[in-house]
Amino acid sequence: GGAVVEDELQLSQLLRDFSAIEGRKVLVHGGGRKATKMAERLGIETLMVNGRRITDSDMLEVVTMVYGGLVNKNLVARLQANGVNAIGLTGADADVIRSHKRPVKVVDGSPVDYGFVGDVDQANGEMLGRLIEAGITPVMAPLTHDGEGHILNTNADTIASETAKALAAIYDVTLIFSFEKKGVLSNPDDDDSVIPVITRTLFNKYKADGTISGGMLPKIENALAAVEAGVSRVIITLATAIDGQHGTVIEGEELRS
């Protein structure tokens, strides 16, 4: 997540822990806070709707530079220093994630044009698998392409979910969303109020009663979509606790019966 990218202590620990994971792995990153700061320096206004960035042509240039360049290549270099042979990818590289420009949507009764934002059509698990089997660790930036020469800004959680789903056809996949909290909290003011397990039924309940709201809603939607598409399990946890033993586990209903 972008908050982790901004926090040097959390990021360093995450990269060390990620590097220590044995076997096949992929890292997906955000960087929205860095993009916002860069846009401000360039005099470009940042507009958000329900936590989603409006991406006009100027903002598209900013996120392409920040996500695909500054953040991605720094992460790749630091993983190399930790002994991980990483390669940085946007969705356009090797055609690993293709998307289409999001149509105008009605939000709270008003039409919203998100601009150059991509909704994923397909992720190429076979191509990613080739890299992984060659001993290379993909580092995925939250950018996709439409096959017609256009880069599109795509939510990092969606990139993680779609990548995991594509790889689930080949591997037994665990998807870990790492961010600045210990997990999904029942009380946002209590960092220890972690909800241990969420299924689709529980999510609908928590959404209805307001326990879960805001930016956590799309994160859990992506997690549930991944599980329902064959990903073995999804964990939402603190960036410094990616060992699979902490946080909130997102499960399919059948696993709870």
C-alpha atoms as a PDB file:
ATOM      1  CA  GLY A   1       0.000   0.000   0.000  1.00  0.00           C
ATOM      2  CA  GLY A   2       0.953   3.644  -0.547  1.00  0.00           C
ATOM      3  CA  ALA A   3       1.258   4.386   3.174  1.00  0.00           C
ATOM      4  CA  VAL A   4       3.816   1.582   3.512  1.00  0.00           C
ATOM      5  CA  VAL A   5       5.778   2.846   0.507  1.00  0.00           C
ATOM      6  CA  GLU A   6       5.998   6.205   2.296  1.00  0.00           C
ATOM      7  CA  ASP A   7       7.152   4.757   5.654  1.00  0.00           C
ATOM      8  CA  GLU A   8      10.827   3.824   5.460  1.00  0.00           C
ATOM      9  CA  LEU A   9      10.822   1.617   8.572  1.00  0.00           C
ATOM     10  CA  GLN A  10       7.770  -0.391   7.483  1.00  0.00           C
ATOM     11  CA  LEU A  11       9.023  -0.638   3.904  1.00  0.00           C
ATOM     12  CA  SER A  12      12.484  -1.850   4.891  1.00  0.00           C
ATOM     13  CA  GLN A  13      10.994  -4.502   7.177  1.00  0.00           C
ATOM     14  CA  LEU A  14       8.518  -5.569   4.501  1.00  0.00           C
ATOM     15  CA  LEU A  15      11.241  -5.973   1.892  1.00  0.00           C
ATOM     16  CA  ARG A  16      13.394  -8.001   4.303  1.00  0.00           C
ATOM     17  CA  ASP A  17      10.462 -10.231   5.225  1.00  0.00           C
ATOM     18  CA  PHE A  18       9.390 -10.604   1.602  1.00  0.00           C
ATOM     19  CA  SER A  19      12.932 -11.516   0.588  1.00  0.00           C
ATOM     20  CA  ALA A  20      13.022 -14.187   3.296  1.00  0.00           C
ATOM     21  CA  ILE A  21       9.911 -15.941   1.937  1.00  0.00           C
ATOM     22  CA  GLU A  22      11.042 -19.158   0.290  1.00  0.00           C
ATOM     23  CA  GLY A  23       9.720 -20.301  -3.053  1.00  0.00           C
ATOM     24  CA  ARG A  24       7.729 -18.510  -5.717  1.00  0.00           C
ATOM     25  CA  LYS A  25       6.497 -15.001  -5.036  1.00  0.00           C
ATOM     26  CA  VAL A  26       5.216 -11.791  -6.614  1.00  0.00           C
ATOM     27  CA  LEU A  27       5.164  -8.283  -5.139  1.00  0.00           C
ATOM     28  CA  VAL A  28       2.440  -5.793  -6.069  1.00  0.00           C
ATOM     29  CA  HIS A  29       2.772  -2.175  -4.954  1.00  0.00           C
ATOM     30  CA  GLY A  30       0.818   1.049  -4.821  1.00  0.00           C
ATOM     31  CA  GLY A  31       2.197   4.540  -4.399  1.00  0.00           C
ATOM     32  CA  GLY A  32      -0.772   6.886  -4.395  1.00  0.00           C
ATOM     33  CA  ARG A  33       0.629   9.167  -1.713  1.00  0.00           C
ATOM     34  CA  LYS A  34       3.844   9.701  -3.658  1.00  0.00           C
ATOM     35  CA  ALA A  35       1.790  10.421  -6.777  1.00  0.00           C
ATOM     36  CA  THR A  36      -0.279  12.983  -4.891  1.00  0.00           C
ATOM     37  CA  LYS A  37       2.857  14.709  -3.597  1.00  0.00           C
ATOM     38  CA  MET A  38       4.438  14.748  -7.055  1.00  0.00           C
ATOM     39  CA  ALA A  39       1.250  16.135  -8.596  1.00  0.00           C
ATOM     40  CA  GLU A  40       1.211  18.898  -5.997  1.00  0.00           C
ATOM     41  CA  ARG A  41       4.810  19.815  -6.824  1.00  0.00           C
ATOM     42  CA  LEU A  42       3.837  20.030 -10.488  1.00  0.00           C
ATOM     43  CA  GLY A  43       0.742  22.117  -9.789  1.00  0.00           C
ATOM     44  CA  ILE A  44      -1.681  19.343 -10.752  1.00  0.00           C
ATOM     45  CA  GLU A  45      -4.839  19.001  -8.694  1.00  0.00           C
ATOM     46  CA  THR A  46      -5.694  15.604  -7.204  1.00  0.00           C
ATOM     47  CA  LEU A  47      -9.372  14.637  -7.318  1.00  0.00           C
ATOM     48  CA  MET A  48     -10.727  11.556  -5.530  1.00  0.00           C
ATOM     49  CA  VAL A  49     -14.184   9.946  -5.540  1.00  0.00           C
ATOM     50  CA  ASN A  50     -14.820   7.260  -2.893  1.00  0.00           C
ATOM     51  CA  GLY A  51     -11.091   6.716  -2.538  1.00  0.00           C
ATOM     52  CA  ARG A  52     -10.543   6.356  -6.294  1.00  0.00           C
ATOM     53  CA  ARG A  53      -8.272   8.772  -8.152  1.00  0.00           C
ATOM     54  CA  ILE A  54      -9.662  10.740 -11.086  1.00  0.00           C
ATOM     55  CA  THR A  55      -6.980  10.335 -13.754  1.00  0.00           C
ATOM     56  CA  ASP A  56      -6.973  13.011 -16.445  1.00  0.00           C
ATOM     57  CA  SER A  57      -4.154  13.256 -18.998  1.00  0.00           C
ATOM     58  CA  ASP A  58      -1.884  15.265 -16.681  1.00  0.00           C
ATOM     59  CA  MET A  59      -2.437  12.920 -13.751  1.00  0.00           C
ATOM     60  CA  LEU A  60      -1.849   9.921 -16.026  1.00  0.00           C
ATOM     61  CA  GLU A  61       1.638  11.254 -16.761  1.00  0.00           C
ATOM     62  CA  VAL A  62       2.276  11.648 -13.023  1.00  0.00           C
ATOM     63  CA  VAL A  63       1.148   8.149 -12.034  1.00  0.00           C
ATOM     64  CA  THR A  64       3.016   6.587 -14.957  1.00  0.00           C
ATOM     65  CA  MET A  65       6.225   8.286 -13.833  1.00  0.00           C
ATOM     66  CA  VAL A  66       5.727   7.601 -10.135  1.00  0.00           C
ATOM     67  CA  TYR A  67       4.278   4.076 -10.209  1.00  0.00           C
ATOM     68  CA  GLY A  68       6.110   2.664 -13.222  1.00  0.00           C
ATOM     69  CA  GLY A  69       9.356   4.522 -12.577  1.00  0.00           C
ATOM     70  CA  LEU A  70      10.169   5.991  -9.178  1.00  0.00           C
ATOM     71  CA  VAL A  71       8.427   3.491  -6.890  1.00  0.00           C
ATOM     72  CA  ASN A  72       8.755   0.378  -9.036  1.00  0.00           C
ATOM     73  CA  LYS A  73      12.446   0.679  -9.860  1.00  0.00           C
ATOM     74  CA  ASN A  74      13.420   1.615  -6.314  1.00  0.00           C
ATOM     75  CA  LEU A  75      11.652  -1.502  -5.031  1.00  0.00           C
ATOM     76  CA  VAL A  76      13.360  -3.651  -7.667  1.00  0.00           C
ATOM     77  CA  ALA A  77      16.789  -2.256  -6.769  1.00  0.00           C
ATOM     78  CA  ARG A  78      16.216  -2.822  -3.063  1.00  0.00           C
ATOM     79  CA  LEU A  79      15.032  -6.387  -3.625  1.00  0.00           C
ATOM     80  CA  GLN A  80      18.175  -7.048  -5.663  1.00  0.00           C
ATOM     81  CA  ALA A  81      20.166  -5.816  -2.648  1.00  0.00           C
ATOM     82  CA  ASN A  82      18.240  -8.347  -0.544  1.00  0.00           C
ATOM     83  CA  GLY A  83      19.148 -11.206  -2.863  1.00  0.00           C
ATOM     84  CA  VAL A  84      15.889 -11.324  -4.843  1.00  0.00           C
ATOM     85  CA  ASN A  85      16.254 -11.331  -8.623  1.00  0.00           C
ATOM     86  CA  ALA A  86      13.327  -9.001  -9.324  1.00  0.00           C
ATOM     87  CA  ILE A  87      11.917  -7.473 -12.482  1.00  0.00           C
ATOM     88  CA  GLY A  88       9.597  -4.453 -12.529  1.00  0.00           C
ATOM     89  CA  LEU A  89       6.473  -4.702 -14.662  1.00  0.00           C
ATOM     90  CA  THR A  90       3.484  -2.620 -15.621  1.00  0.00           C
ATOM     91  CA  GLY A  91       0.534  -4.401 -17.210  1.00  0.00           C
ATOM     92  CA  ALA A  92       1.872  -3.356 -20.623  1.00  0.00           C
ATOM     93  CA  ASP A  93       5.154  -5.233 -20.155  1.00  0.00           C
ATOM     94  CA  ALA A  94       4.879  -8.651 -21.787  1.00  0.00           C
ATOM     95  CA  ASP A  95       1.112  -7.958 -22.006  1.00  0.00           C
ATOM     96  CA  VAL A  96       0.677  -9.263 -18.452  1.00  0.00           C
ATOM     97  CA  ILE A  97      -2.463  -7.252 -17.612  1.00  0.00           C
ATOM     98  CA  ARG A  98      -4.855  -5.828 -20.170  1.00  0.00           C
ATOM     99  CA  SER A  99      -7.779  -3.575 -19.291  1.00  0.00           C
ATOM    100  CA  HIS A 100     -10.368  -1.218 -20.735  1.00  0.00           C
ATOM    101  CA  LYS A 101     -11.047   2.413 -19.901  1.00  0.00           C
ATOM    102  CA  ARG A 102     -13.652   2.631 -17.171  1.00  0.00           C
ATOM    103  CA  PRO A 103     -16.962   4.000 -18.476  1.00  0.00           C
ATOM    104  CA  VAL A 104     -18.687   6.939 -16.817  1.00  0.00           C
ATOM    105  CA  LYS A 105     -20.354   5.719 -13.619  1.00  0.00           C
ATOM    106  CA  VAL A 106     -23.048   7.194 -11.422  1.00  0.00           C
ATOM    107  CA  VAL A 107     -21.815   7.763  -7.859  1.00  0.00           C
ATOM    108  CA  ASP A 108     -24.228   9.134  -5.242  1.00  0.00           C
ATOM    109  CA  GLY A 109     -26.605  10.152  -8.004  1.00  0.00           C
ATOM    110  CA  SER A 110     -24.048  12.029 -10.120  1.00  0.00           C
ATOM    111  CA  PRO A 111     -22.105  10.839 -13.191  1.00  0.00           C
ATOM    112  CA  VAL A 112     -18.356  10.468 -12.610  1.00  0.00           C
ATOM    113  CA  ASP A 113     -15.773  10.251 -15.378  1.00  0.00           C
ATOM    114  CA  TYR A 114     -12.713   8.597 -13.851  1.00  0.00           C
ATOM    115  CA  GLY A 115     -10.628   9.432 -16.897  1.00  0.00           C
ATOM    116  CA  PHE A 116      -7.753   7.133 -17.803  1.00  0.00           C
ATOM    117  CA  VAL A 117      -8.591   4.454 -15.249  1.00  0.00           C
ATOM    118  CA  GLY A 118      -8.487   0.822 -16.320  1.00  0.00           C
ATOM    119  CA  ASP A 119     -10.805  -2.008 -15.313  1.00  0.00           C
ATOM    120  CA  VAL A 120      -9.013  -5.326 -15.824  1.00  0.00           C
ATOM    121  CA  ASP A 121     -10.083  -7.673 -18.617  1.00  0.00           C
ATOM    122  CA  GLN A 122      -7.388 -10.318 -18.241  1.00  0.00           C
ATOM    123  CA  ALA A 123      -4.138 -11.086 -16.460  1.00  0.00           C
ATOM    124  CA  ASN A 124      -1.617 -13.368 -18.153  1.00  0.00           C
ATOM    125  CA  GLY A 125      -0.788 -15.975 -15.537  1.00  0.00           C
ATOM    126  CA  GLU A 126       1.100 -18.102 -18.056  1.00  0.00           C
ATOM    127  CA  MET A 127       3.552 -15.293 -18.860  1.00  0.00           C
ATOM    128  CA  LEU A 128       4.041 -14.468 -15.191  1.00  0.00           C
ATOM    129  CA  GLY A 129       4.539 -18.170 -14.530  1.00  0.00           C
ATOM    130  CA  ARG A 130       7.355 -18.306 -17.074  1.00  0.00           C
ATOM    131  CA  LEU A 131       9.177 -15.507 -15.302  1.00  0.00           C
ATOM    132  CA  ILE A 132       8.608 -17.106 -11.916  1.00  0.00           C
ATOM    133  CA  GLU A 133       9.851 -20.507 -13.096  1.00  0.00           C
ATOM    134  CA  ALA A 134      12.974 -18.780 -14.460  1.00  0.00           C
ATOM    135  CA  GLY A 135      13.745 -17.668 -10.908  1.00  0.00           C
ATOM    136  CA  ILE A 136      12.591 -14.074 -11.430  1.00  0.00           C
ATOM    137  CA  THR A 137      10.281 -12.269  -9.001  1.00  0.00           C
ATOM    138  CA  PRO A 138       7.801  -9.919 -10.733  1.00  0.00           C
ATOM    139  CA  VAL A 139       7.230  -6.545  -9.057  1.00  0.00           C
ATOM    140  CA  MET A 140       3.925  -5.241 -10.378  1.00  0.00           C
ATOM    141  CA  ALA A 141       3.100  -1.533 -10.677  1.00  0.00           C
ATOM    142  CA  PRO A 142      -0.577  -0.445 -10.628  1.00  0.00           C
ATOM    143  CA  LEU A 143      -0.654   0.387 -14.339  1.00  0.00           C
ATOM    144  CA  THR A 144      -2.297  -1.592 -17.134  1.00  0.00           C
ATOM    145  CA  HIS A 145      -2.830  -1.117 -20.868  1.00  0.00           C
ATOM    146  CA  ASP A 146      -5.709  -1.431 -23.296  1.00  0.00           C
ATOM    147  CA  GLY A 147      -3.883  -3.081 -26.208  1.00  0.00           C
ATOM    148  CA  GLU A 148      -4.355   0.069 -28.283  1.00  0.00           C
ATOM    149  CA  GLY A 149      -1.335   1.970 -27.048  1.00  0.00           C
ATOM    150  CA  HIS A 150      -2.758   3.523 -23.895  1.00  0.00           C
ATOM    151  CA  ILE A 151      -1.512   3.163 -20.328  1.00  0.00           C
ATOM    152  CA  LEU A 152      -4.310   3.124 -17.737  1.00  0.00           C
ATOM    153  CA  ASN A 153      -4.209   3.740 -13.997  1.00  0.00           C
ATOM    154  CA  THR A 154      -5.527   0.686 -12.131  1.00  0.00           C
ATOM    155  CA  ASN A 155      -6.088   0.217  -8.411  1.00  0.00           C
ATOM    156  CA  ALA A 156      -3.206  -1.693  -6.802  1.00  0.00           C
ATOM    157  CA  ASP A 157      -5.526  -3.975  -4.820  1.00  0.00           C
ATOM    158  CA  THR A 158      -7.190  -4.917  -8.108  1.00  0.00           C
ATOM    159  CA  ILE A 159      -3.794  -5.659  -9.662  1.00  0.00           C
ATOM    160  CA  ALA A 160      -2.982  -7.917  -6.698  1.00  0.00           C
ATOM    161  CA  SER A 161      -6.326  -9.694  -6.875  1.00  0.00           C
ATOM    162  CA  GLU A 162      -6.258 -10.212 -10.649  1.00  0.00           C
ATOM    163  CA  THR A 163      -2.638 -11.387 -10.566  1.00  0.00           C
ATOM    164  CA  ALA A 164      -3.433 -13.874  -7.799  1.00  0.00           C
ATOM    165  CA  LYS A 165      -6.489 -15.163  -9.680  1.00  0.00           C
ATOM    166  CA  ALA A 166      -4.474 -15.673 -12.863  1.00  0.00           C
ATOM    167  CA  LEU A 167      -1.709 -17.513 -11.001  1.00  0.00           C
ATOM    168  CA  ALA A 168      -4.247 -19.682  -9.139  1.00  0.00           C
ATOM    169  CA  ALA A 169      -4.732 -21.628 -12.376  1.00  0.00           C
ATOM    170  CA  ILE A 170      -1.089 -22.747 -12.051  1.00  0.00           C
ATOM    171  CA  TYR A 171      -0.176 -22.564  -8.365  1.00  0.00           C
ATOM    172  CA  ASP A 172      -1.597 -22.850  -4.856  1.00  0.00           C
ATOM    173  CA  VAL A 173      -1.804 -19.102  -4.170  1.00  0.00           C
ATOM    174  CA  THR A 174      -1.943 -17.128  -0.936  1.00  0.00           C
ATOM    175  CA  LEU A 175      -2.646 -13.417  -1.444  1.00  0.00           C
ATOM    176  CA  ILE A 176      -1.505 -11.044   1.298  1.00  0.00           C
ATOM    177  CA  PHE A 177      -2.647  -7.424   1.383  1.00  0.00           C
ATOM    178  CA  SER A 178      -0.112  -5.601   3.560  1.00  0.00           C
ATOM    179  CA  PHE A 179      -0.911  -2.144   4.889  1.00  0.00           C
ATOM    180  CA  GLU A 180      -0.602   0.033   7.997  1.00  0.00           C
ATOM    181  CA  LYS A 181      -3.114  -1.781  10.237  1.00  0.00           C
ATOM    182  CA  LYS A 182      -3.023  -5.217  11.906  1.00  0.00           C
ATOM    183  CA  GLY A 183      -6.018  -6.352   9.847  1.00  0.00           C
ATOM    184  CA  VAL A 184      -9.631  -5.393   9.290  1.00  0.00           C
ATOM    185  CA  LEU A 185     -10.711  -3.624  12.480  1.00  0.00           C
ATOM    186  CA  SER A 186     -14.161  -3.759  14.067  1.00  0.00           C
ATOM    187  CA  ASN A 187     -13.306  -0.467  15.788  1.00  0.00           C
ATOM    188  CA  PRO A 188     -11.066   1.875  13.760  1.00  0.00           C
ATOM    189  CA  ASP A 189      -9.898   3.534  16.987  1.00  0.00           C
ATOM    190  CA  ASP A 190      -8.713   0.228  18.460  1.00  0.00           C
ATOM    191  CA  ASP A 191      -5.748  -1.263  16.611  1.00  0.00           C
ATOM    192  CA  ASP A 192      -6.241  -4.576  18.422  1.00  0.00           C
ATOM    193  CA  SER A 193      -9.890  -5.062  17.344  1.00  0.00           C
ATOM    194  CA  VAL A 194      -8.908  -7.312  14.430  1.00  0.00           C
ATOM    195  CA  ILE A 195     -11.734  -9.323  12.852  1.00  0.00           C
ATOM    196  CA  PRO A 196     -10.159 -12.794  12.517  1.00  0.00           C
ATOM    197  CA  VAL A 197     -12.228 -14.181   9.621  1.00  0.00           C
ATOM    198  CA  ILE A 198     -14.490 -12.642   6.981  1.00  0.00           C
ATOM    199  CA  THR A 199     -16.666 -14.569   4.545  1.00  0.00           C
ATOM    200  CA  ARG A 200     -19.044 -13.138   1.944  1.00  0.00           C
ATOM    201  CA  THR A 201     -21.959 -13.492   4.394  1.00  0.00           C
ATOM    202  CA  LEU A 202     -20.067 -11.779   7.213  1.00  0.00           C
ATOM    203  CA  PHE A 203     -18.888  -9.043   4.857  1.00  0.00           C
ATOM    204  CA  ASN A 204     -22.446  -8.254   3.821  1.00  0.00           C
ATOM    205  CA  LYS A 205     -23.400  -8.047   7.504  1.00  0.00           C
ATOM    206  CA  TYR A 206     -20.461  -5.796   8.434  1.00  0.00           C
ATOM    207  CA  LYS A 207     -21.105  -3.600   5.394  1.00  0.00           C
ATOM    208  CA  ALA A 208     -24.783  -3.212   6.267  1.00  0.00           C
ATOM    209  CA  ASP A 209     -24.187  -2.284   9.901  1.00  0.00           C
ATOM    210  CA  GLY A 210     -21.298   0.069   9.103  1.00  0.00           C
ATOM    211  CA  THR A 211     -18.580  -1.959  10.823  1.00  0.00           C
ATOM    212  CA  ILE A 212     -16.675  -1.987   7.529  1.00  0.00           C
ATOM    213  CA  SER A 213     -16.785   1.128   5.343  1.00  0.00           C
ATOM    214  CA  GLY A 214     -14.763   3.500   3.186  1.00  0.00           C
ATOM    215  CA  GLY A 215     -11.582   2.325   1.511  1.00  0.00           C
ATOM    216  CA  MET A 216     -11.732  -1.085   3.198  1.00  0.00           C
ATOM    217  CA  LEU A 217     -14.829  -2.025   1.168  1.00  0.00           C
ATOM    218  CA  PRO A 218     -13.085  -2.349  -2.242  1.00  0.00           C
ATOM    219  CA  LYS A 219     -10.116  -4.096  -0.588  1.00  0.00           C
ATOM    220  CA  ILE A 220     -12.366  -6.816   0.819  1.00  0.00           C
ATOM    221  CA  GLU A 221     -14.380  -7.018  -2.404  1.00  0.00           C
ATOM    222  CA  ASN A 222     -11.123  -7.724  -4.251  1.00  0.00           C
ATOM    223  CA  ALA A 223     -10.147 -10.283  -1.627  1.00  0.00           C
ATOM    224  CA  LEU A 224     -13.486 -12.100  -1.844  1.00  0.00           C
ATOM    225  CA  ALA A 225     -13.354 -12.076  -5.651  1.00  0.00           C
ATOM    226  CA  ALA A 226      -9.912 -13.692  -5.487  1.00  0.00           C
ATOM    227  CA  VAL A 227     -11.046 -16.449  -3.114  1.00  0.00           C
ATOM    228  CA  GLU A 228     -14.173 -17.095  -5.184  1.00  0.00           C
ATOM    229  CA  ALA A 229     -11.963 -17.399  -8.296  1.00  0.00           C
ATOM    230  CA  GLY A 230      -9.690 -20.059  -6.833  1.00  0.00           C
ATOM    231  CA  VAL A 231      -7.096 -18.290  -4.689  1.00  0.00           C
ATOM    232  CA  SER A 232      -6.543 -20.504  -1.637  1.00  0.00           C
ATOM    233  CA  ARG A 233      -6.716 -17.764   0.946  1.00  0.00           C
ATOM    234  CA  VAL A 234      -6.368 -14.017   1.354  1.00  0.00           C
ATOM    235  CA  ILE A 235      -4.861 -12.304   4.383  1.00  0.00           C
ATOM    236  CA  ILE A 236      -5.150  -8.613   5.220  1.00  0.00           C
ATOM    237  CA  THR A 237      -2.424  -7.693   7.683  1.00  0.00           C
ATOM    238  CA  LEU A 238       0.211  -5.294   8.919  1.00  0.00           C
ATOM    239  CA  ALA A 239       3.087  -4.698   6.508  1.00  0.00           C
ATOM    240  CA  THR A 240       5.513  -5.933   9.160  1.00  0.00           C
ATOM    241  CA  ALA A 241       3.586  -9.194   9.722  1.00  0.00           C
ATOM    242  CA  ILE A 242       3.467 -10.986   6.368  1.00  0.00           C
ATOM    243  CA  ASP A 243       4.294 -14.448   7.706  1.00  0.00           C
ATOM    244  CA  GLY A 244       0.703 -15.628   7.184  1.00  0.00           C
ATOM    245  CA  GLN A 245       0.082 -16.006  10.921  1.00  0.00           C
ATOM    246  CA  HIS A 246      -1.491 -12.624  11.618  1.00  0.00           C
ATOM    247  CA  GLY A 247      -4.317 -10.399  10.420  1.00  0.00           C
ATOM    248  CA  THR A 248      -7.755 -11.007   8.945  1.00  0.00           C
ATOM    249  CA  VAL A 249      -8.291 -14.106   6.813  1.00  0.00           C
ATOM    250  CA  ILE A 250     -10.758 -13.879   3.937  1.00  0.00           C
ATOM    251  CA  GLU A 251     -12.362 -17.272   3.305  1.00  0.00           C
ATOM    252  CA  GLY A 252     -14.935 -18.845   1.058  1.00  0.00           C
ATOM    253  CA  GLU A 253     -18.194 -19.944   2.651  1.00  0.00           C
ATOM    254  CA  GLU A 254     -17.411 -23.624   2.069  1.00  0.00           C
ATOM    255  CA  LEU A 255     -14.320 -23.340   4.258  1.00  0.00           C
ATOM    256  CA  ARG A 256     -16.512 -22.345   7.211  1.00  0.00           C
ATOM    257  CA  SER A 257     -19.068 -25.125   6.938  1.00  0.00           C
END
